Amino acid sequence: MNITFVKKIKADGTPCRKCAEVQSRLEKEGYIDKIDQTVIADERDMDSKGMQLAKQYNVNQAPFFIVEEENKETKVYTIYFKFINEILNGSSSEEDAVKDILDSNDLDFL
């Protein structure tokens, strides 16, 4: 399994708030070591690897995760708790998942 975490850098060079939040959660909850690569979607460079991946997978918000498994269809997750529960088998509560979904209006668009 290969997991890519795509986070965004805004046009002014600052990281998107939601991306920083998700990275902090990954670190705090001990999942950061399970991420194989972190890629930047840089608004200042439409050819950045993250922007290319967003276009390839038709994703218009950040952060997101790309999960590739041999002989399986690639999956893309834009909701942190869904990614944790389905891929990393974490134990987040339903309340956390609902909060994450409701907060998705706060995601940064690419």
Protein backbone atom coordinates (compact mmCIF):
# COMPACT_ATOMS: atom_id res chain seq x y z
CA MET A 1 0.00 0.00 0.00
CA ASN A 2 1.21 3.50 -0.86
CA ILE A 3 -0.34 6.53 0.83
CA THR A 4 0.16 10.07 -0.44
CA PHE A 5 -0.89 13.08 1.61
CA VAL A 6 -1.53 16.15 -0.54
CA LYS A 7 -1.57 19.50 1.19
CA LYS A 8 -1.81 23.01 -0.19
CA ILE A 9 0.32 26.11 -0.10
CA LYS A 10 -1.69 29.26 -0.75
CA ALA A 11 -0.76 31.93 -3.29
CA ASP A 12 0.77 34.04 -0.49
CA GLY A 13 3.08 31.15 0.48
CA THR A 14 1.27 30.15 3.67
CA PRO A 15 -0.01 26.63 4.30
CA CYS A 16 -3.76 26.14 4.22
CA ARG A 17 -5.23 26.03 7.73
CA LYS A 18 -7.10 22.74 7.27
CA CYS A 19 -3.97 21.09 5.83
CA ALA A 20 -1.95 22.15 8.87
CA GLU A 21 -4.72 20.86 11.16
CA VAL A 22 -4.77 17.48 9.44
CA GLN A 23 -0.98 17.17 9.53
CA SER A 24 -1.02 17.99 13.24
CA ARG A 25 -3.66 15.29 13.82
CA LEU A 26 -1.61 12.75 11.87
CA GLU A 27 1.41 13.53 14.04
CA LYS A 28 -0.50 13.64 17.34
CA GLU A 29 -2.36 10.39 16.66
CA GLY A 30 0.77 8.55 15.51
CA TYR A 31 -0.28 8.06 11.89
CA ILE A 32 2.32 10.27 10.22
CA ASP A 33 4.74 7.33 9.87
CA LYS A 34 2.15 5.50 7.76
CA ILE A 35 2.20 8.25 5.14
CA ASP A 36 4.61 7.28 2.36
CA GLN A 37 4.89 10.71 0.82
CA THR A 38 3.66 14.22 1.34
CA VAL A 39 3.10 16.30 -1.78
CA ILE A 40 2.47 20.02 -2.06
CA ALA A 41 -0.26 21.54 -4.21
CA ASP A 42 1.21 25.01 -4.64
CA GLU A 43 -1.19 27.71 -5.86
CA ARG A 44 1.83 29.63 -7.15
CA ASP A 45 2.79 26.73 -9.42
CA MET A 46 -0.05 25.07 -11.30
CA ASP A 47 2.45 22.41 -12.46
CA SER A 48 3.39 21.43 -8.90
CA LYS A 49 3.06 17.72 -8.17
CA GLY A 50 0.08 18.26 -5.88
CA MET A 51 -1.79 20.33 -8.46
CA GLN A 52 -1.10 17.63 -11.06
CA LEU A 53 -2.47 14.95 -8.72
CA ALA A 54 -5.55 17.06 -7.95
CA LYS A 55 -6.24 17.38 -11.65
CA GLN A 56 -5.53 13.69 -12.33
CA TYR A 57 -7.95 12.54 -9.61
CA ASN A 58 -10.45 15.35 -10.16
CA VAL A 59 -10.09 16.71 -6.61
CA ASN A 60 -10.82 20.37 -6.00
CA GLN A 61 -10.09 20.71 -2.29
CA ALA A 62 -7.21 20.16 0.07
CA PRO A 63 -6.02 18.30 1.96
CA PHE A 64 -6.58 14.88 0.45
CA PHE A 65 -5.12 11.39 0.55
CA ILE A 66 -4.40 9.03 -2.34
CA VAL A 67 -4.28 5.34 -1.45
CA GLU A 68 -2.79 2.94 -3.97
CA GLU A 69 -2.85 -0.80 -3.43
CA GLU A 70 -1.63 -3.48 -5.78
CA ASN A 71 -4.45 -5.01 -7.84
CA LYS A 72 -6.99 -2.56 -6.39
CA GLU A 73 -8.52 0.66 -7.63
CA THR A 74 -6.84 3.81 -6.34
CA LYS A 75 -8.92 5.55 -3.68
CA VAL A 76 -8.97 9.26 -2.91
CA TYR A 77 -10.10 10.61 0.46
CA THR A 78 -10.94 14.23 1.23
CA ILE A 79 -12.35 13.47 4.68
CA TYR A 80 -9.72 12.73 7.32
CA PHE A 81 -11.80 10.47 9.58
CA LYS A 82 -13.08 8.39 6.69
CA PHE A 83 -9.46 7.90 5.58
CA ILE A 84 -8.39 6.93 9.11
CA ASN A 85 -11.28 4.51 9.63
CA GLU A 86 -11.15 2.82 6.23
CA ILE A 87 -7.41 2.73 5.63
CA LEU A 88 -5.55 3.01 8.93
CA ASN A 89 -8.26 1.29 10.99
CA GLY A 90 -8.27 4.08 13.52
CA SER A 91 -10.91 4.46 16.13
CA SER A 92 -12.39 7.87 15.64
CA SER A 93 -15.84 8.49 16.96
CA GLU A 94 -18.89 9.06 14.82
CA GLU A 95 -19.08 12.52 16.38
CA ASP A 96 -15.55 13.30 15.12
CA ALA A 97 -16.47 12.07 11.65
CA VAL A 98 -19.59 14.22 11.54
CA LYS A 99 -17.61 17.25 12.72
CA ASP A 100 -15.03 16.64 10.00
CA ILE A 101 -17.75 16.42 7.35
CA LEU A 102 -19.39 19.61 8.61
CA ASP A 103 -16.01 21.33 8.65
CA SER A 104 -15.42 20.35 5.02
CA ASN A 105 -16.85 23.70 3.99
CA ASP A 106 -13.64 25.06 5.51
CA LEU A 107 -11.45 23.07 3.12
CA ASP A 108 -9.26 25.05 0.78
CA PHE A 109 -10.16 24.74 -2.86
CA LEU A 110 -7.42 24.06 -5.37
